[in-house]
């Protein structure tokens, strides 16, 4: 009976929407510095083990710096998806600076967010993600 219950749990995990490949990751990103705000709202699908660039520069300011965001799907279970994010900014000298690099866990239709504020540099970064079924 014990083997049967393990098989049933494994089978139900495979039937979970998170264990299936037909879902999207909705990403909302905002970077504010010295009165300028750059925002990105996008949806994408991720494949395990592959890094996906989810945006380039989109902005509301007159002198934006190039921003690149990427995500890598680390783990998928019946209840949770774990995703590593990295957002970088190209500096005036051409070098790249990492703004954030959090790893977020979320479930289906359960938004997860990350926010950081650097008062010395007058910068604020907000990242919100949600996994939705297709």
C-alpha atoms as a PDB file:
ATOM      1  CA  UNK A   1       0.000   0.000   0.000  1.00  0.00           C
ATOM      2  CA  UNK A   2       2.887   2.356   0.736  1.00  0.00           C
ATOM      3  CA  UNK A   3       4.261   2.008  -2.826  1.00  0.00           C
ATOM      4  CA  UNK A   4       0.799   2.662  -4.215  1.00  0.00           C
ATOM      5  CA  UNK A   5       0.443   5.932  -2.272  1.00  0.00           C
ATOM      6  CA  UNK A   6       3.889   7.103  -3.461  1.00  0.00           C
ATOM      7  CA  UNK A   7       2.838   6.404  -7.028  1.00  0.00           C
ATOM      8  CA  UNK A   8      -0.424   8.273  -6.540  1.00  0.00           C
ATOM      9  CA  UNK A   9       1.389  11.336  -5.163  1.00  0.00           C
ATOM     10  CA  UNK A  10       3.845  11.242  -8.060  1.00  0.00           C
ATOM     11  CA  UNK A  11       0.994  10.837 -10.573  1.00  0.00           C
ATOM     12  CA  UNK A  12      -0.938  13.779  -9.078  1.00  0.00           C
ATOM     13  CA  UNK A  13       2.226  15.909  -9.227  1.00  0.00           C
ATOM     14  CA  UNK A  14       2.477  15.229 -12.943  1.00  0.00           C
ATOM     15  CA  UNK A  15      -1.160  16.297 -13.377  1.00  0.00           C
ATOM     16  CA  UNK A  16      -0.515  19.580 -11.567  1.00  0.00           C
ATOM     17  CA  UNK A  17      -0.601  22.657 -13.835  1.00  0.00           C
ATOM     18  CA  UNK A  18       2.884  23.578 -12.604  1.00  0.00           C
ATOM     19  CA  UNK A  19       4.302  20.213 -13.628  1.00  0.00           C
ATOM     20  CA  UNK A  20       2.979  20.685 -17.170  1.00  0.00           C
ATOM     21  CA  UNK A  21       4.782  22.789 -19.771  1.00  0.00           C
ATOM     22  CA  UNK A  22       1.845  25.011 -20.809  1.00  0.00           C
ATOM     23  CA  UNK A  23       2.213  28.038 -18.558  1.00  0.00           C
ATOM     24  CA  UNK A  24       3.462  31.604 -18.794  1.00  0.00           C
ATOM     25  CA  UNK A  25       5.567  33.773 -16.550  1.00  0.00           C
ATOM     26  CA  UNK A  26       4.257  37.332 -16.272  1.00  0.00           C
ATOM     27  CA  UNK A  27       7.019  39.786 -15.333  1.00  0.00           C
ATOM     28  CA  UNK A  28       6.525  43.367 -14.135  1.00  0.00           C
ATOM     29  CA  UNK A  29       9.748  45.291 -13.524  1.00  0.00           C
ATOM     30  CA  UNK A  30      10.315  48.890 -12.430  1.00  0.00           C
ATOM     31  CA  UNK A  31      13.609  50.725 -11.919  1.00  0.00           C
ATOM     32  CA  UNK A  32      13.504  54.254 -10.493  1.00  0.00           C
ATOM     33  CA  UNK A  33      16.539  56.480 -10.049  1.00  0.00           C
ATOM     34  CA  UNK A  34      16.824  60.253  -9.579  1.00  0.00           C
ATOM     35  CA  UNK A  35      13.309  60.962 -10.868  1.00  0.00           C
ATOM     36  CA  UNK A  36      13.549  58.661 -13.915  1.00  0.00           C
ATOM     37  CA  UNK A  37      11.544  55.446 -14.152  1.00  0.00           C
ATOM     38  CA  UNK A  38      12.031  52.529 -16.506  1.00  0.00           C
ATOM     39  CA  UNK A  39       9.318  49.852 -16.626  1.00  0.00           C
ATOM     40  CA  UNK A  40       8.797  46.548 -18.388  1.00  0.00           C
ATOM     41  CA  UNK A  41       5.712  44.322 -18.466  1.00  0.00           C
ATOM     42  CA  UNK A  42       6.051  41.091 -20.397  1.00  0.00           C
ATOM     43  CA  UNK A  43       4.980  37.442 -20.551  1.00  0.00           C
ATOM     44  CA  UNK A  44       7.188  34.525 -21.510  1.00  0.00           C
ATOM     45  CA  UNK A  45       7.601  30.793 -21.181  1.00  0.00           C
ATOM     46  CA  UNK A  46      10.698  29.273 -19.619  1.00  0.00           C
ATOM     47  CA  UNK A  47      12.377  25.940 -20.255  1.00  0.00           C
ATOM     48  CA  UNK A  48      14.238  24.144 -17.458  1.00  0.00           C
ATOM     49  CA  UNK A  49      17.960  24.867 -17.467  1.00  0.00           C
ATOM     50  CA  UNK A  50      17.775  27.616 -20.095  1.00  0.00           C
ATOM     51  CA  UNK A  51      18.314  31.277 -19.353  1.00  0.00           C
ATOM     52  CA  UNK A  52      15.768  33.517 -21.074  1.00  0.00           C
ATOM     53  CA  UNK A  53      16.212  37.240 -21.646  1.00  0.00           C
ATOM     54  CA  UNK A  54      12.875  38.789 -20.787  1.00  0.00           C
ATOM     55  CA  UNK A  55      13.496  42.425 -21.673  1.00  0.00           C
ATOM     56  CA  UNK A  56      15.790  45.042 -23.054  1.00  0.00           C
ATOM     57  CA  UNK A  57      15.327  48.765 -22.417  1.00  0.00           C
ATOM     58  CA  UNK A  58      11.859  50.286 -22.113  1.00  0.00           C
ATOM     59  CA  UNK A  59      11.643  53.633 -20.415  1.00  0.00           C
ATOM     60  CA  UNK A  60       9.795  56.800 -19.559  1.00  0.00           C
ATOM     61  CA  UNK A  61      12.954  58.901 -19.130  1.00  0.00           C
ATOM     62  CA  UNK A  62      14.852  60.938 -21.695  1.00  0.00           C
ATOM     63  CA  UNK A  63      18.301  59.459 -20.965  1.00  0.00           C
ATOM     64  CA  UNK A  64      17.864  55.767 -20.187  1.00  0.00           C
ATOM     65  CA  UNK A  65      20.619  53.295 -19.567  1.00  0.00           C
ATOM     66  CA  UNK A  66      20.344  49.916 -21.221  1.00  0.00           C
ATOM     67  CA  UNK A  67      18.730  47.314 -18.958  1.00  0.00           C
ATOM     68  CA  UNK A  68      18.764  43.572 -19.564  1.00  0.00           C
ATOM     69  CA  UNK A  69      16.714  41.118 -17.519  1.00  0.00           C
ATOM     70  CA  UNK A  70      17.002  37.361 -17.600  1.00  0.00           C
ATOM     71  CA  UNK A  71      15.336  34.433 -15.870  1.00  0.00           C
ATOM     72  CA  UNK A  72      16.306  30.806 -15.421  1.00  0.00           C
ATOM     73  CA  UNK A  73      13.867  28.110 -14.339  1.00  0.00           C
ATOM     74  CA  UNK A  74      15.587  26.202 -11.557  1.00  0.00           C
ATOM     75  CA  UNK A  75      12.909  23.867 -10.192  1.00  0.00           C
ATOM     76  CA  UNK A  76       9.333  22.819 -10.846  1.00  0.00           C
ATOM     77  CA  UNK A  77       7.264  20.817  -8.378  1.00  0.00           C
ATOM     78  CA  UNK A  78       3.556  20.179  -7.972  1.00  0.00           C
ATOM     79  CA  UNK A  79       3.182  23.251  -5.773  1.00  0.00           C
ATOM     80  CA  UNK A  80       6.002  25.619  -6.642  1.00  0.00           C
ATOM     81  CA  UNK A  81       8.226  27.036  -9.347  1.00  0.00           C
ATOM     82  CA  UNK A  82      11.672  28.392  -8.405  1.00  0.00           C
ATOM     83  CA  UNK A  83      13.154  30.969 -10.802  1.00  0.00           C
ATOM     84  CA  UNK A  84      16.494  32.821 -10.675  1.00  0.00           C
ATOM     85  CA  UNK A  85      16.323  36.382 -11.990  1.00  0.00           C
ATOM     86  CA  UNK A  86      19.085  38.812 -12.890  1.00  0.00           C
ATOM     87  CA  UNK A  87      18.676  42.414 -14.017  1.00  0.00           C
ATOM     88  CA  UNK A  88      21.722  44.334 -15.180  1.00  0.00           C
ATOM     89  CA  UNK A  89      22.318  47.940 -16.200  1.00  0.00           C
ATOM     90  CA  UNK A  90      24.941  49.090 -18.717  1.00  0.00           C
ATOM     91  CA  UNK A  91      26.937  51.935 -17.220  1.00  0.00           C
ATOM     92  CA  UNK A  92      28.204  54.949 -19.157  1.00  0.00           C
ATOM     93  CA  UNK A  93      31.666  53.360 -19.481  1.00  0.00           C
ATOM     94  CA  UNK A  94      30.157  50.214 -21.063  1.00  0.00           C
ATOM     95  CA  UNK A  95      30.545  47.986 -18.002  1.00  0.00           C
ATOM     96  CA  UNK A  96      27.561  46.031 -16.630  1.00  0.00           C
ATOM     97  CA  UNK A  97      26.244  46.452 -13.082  1.00  0.00           C
ATOM     98  CA  UNK A  98      23.896  43.901 -11.521  1.00  0.00           C
ATOM     99  CA  UNK A  99      20.872  45.676 -10.027  1.00  0.00           C
ATOM    100  CA  UNK A 100      19.202  42.557  -8.583  1.00  0.00           C
ATOM    101  CA  UNK A 101      19.674  38.801  -8.726  1.00  0.00           C
ATOM    102  CA  UNK A 102      16.973  37.209  -6.557  1.00  0.00           C
ATOM    103  CA  UNK A 103      15.645  33.681  -6.654  1.00  0.00           C
ATOM    104  CA  UNK A 104      11.854  33.686  -6.279  1.00  0.00           C
ATOM    105  CA  UNK A 105       9.459  30.836  -5.551  1.00  0.00           C
ATOM    106  CA  UNK A 106       5.832  31.040  -6.559  1.00  0.00           C
ATOM    107  CA  UNK A 107       2.816  28.870  -7.299  1.00  0.00           C
ATOM    108  CA  UNK A 108       0.189  29.003 -10.010  1.00  0.00           C
ATOM    109  CA  UNK A 109      -1.663  32.367  -9.998  1.00  0.00           C
ATOM    110  CA  UNK A 110       0.235  33.430  -6.864  1.00  0.00           C
ATOM    111  CA  UNK A 111       2.226  36.620  -7.443  1.00  0.00           C
ATOM    112  CA  UNK A 112       5.681  36.839  -5.903  1.00  0.00           C
ATOM    113  CA  UNK A 113       7.588  40.074  -5.568  1.00  0.00           C
ATOM    114  CA  UNK A 114      11.005  41.443  -4.762  1.00  0.00           C
ATOM    115  CA  UNK A 115      11.820  45.045  -3.914  1.00  0.00           C
ATOM    116  CA  UNK A 116      14.997  46.826  -2.911  1.00  0.00           C
ATOM    117  CA  UNK A 117      15.803  50.452  -2.168  1.00  0.00           C
ATOM    118  CA  UNK A 118      19.246  52.059  -2.138  1.00  0.00           C
ATOM    119  CA  UNK A 119      18.789  55.395  -0.377  1.00  0.00           C
ATOM    120  CA  UNK A 120      22.400  56.462  -0.972  1.00  0.00           C
ATOM    121  CA  UNK A 121      22.060  56.111  -4.753  1.00  0.00           C
ATOM    122  CA  UNK A 122      18.369  57.165  -4.776  1.00  0.00           C
ATOM    123  CA  UNK A 123      17.412  53.928  -6.579  1.00  0.00           C
ATOM    124  CA  UNK A 124      14.432  51.627  -6.215  1.00  0.00           C
ATOM    125  CA  UNK A 125      13.943  48.296  -7.988  1.00  0.00           C
ATOM    126  CA  UNK A 126      10.660  46.354  -7.999  1.00  0.00           C
ATOM    127  CA  UNK A 127      10.106  42.931  -9.565  1.00  0.00           C
ATOM    128  CA  UNK A 128       6.772  41.102  -9.549  1.00  0.00           C
ATOM    129  CA  UNK A 129       6.214  37.735 -11.210  1.00  0.00           C
ATOM    130  CA  UNK A 130       3.265  35.410 -11.591  1.00  0.00           C
ATOM    131  CA  UNK A 131       2.928  31.989 -13.195  1.00  0.00           C
ATOM    132  CA  UNK A 132      -0.321  31.594 -15.144  1.00  0.00           C
ATOM    133  CA  UNK A 133      -1.735  28.713 -17.136  1.00  0.00           C
ATOM    134  CA  UNK A 134      -2.102  29.026 -20.883  1.00  0.00           C
END
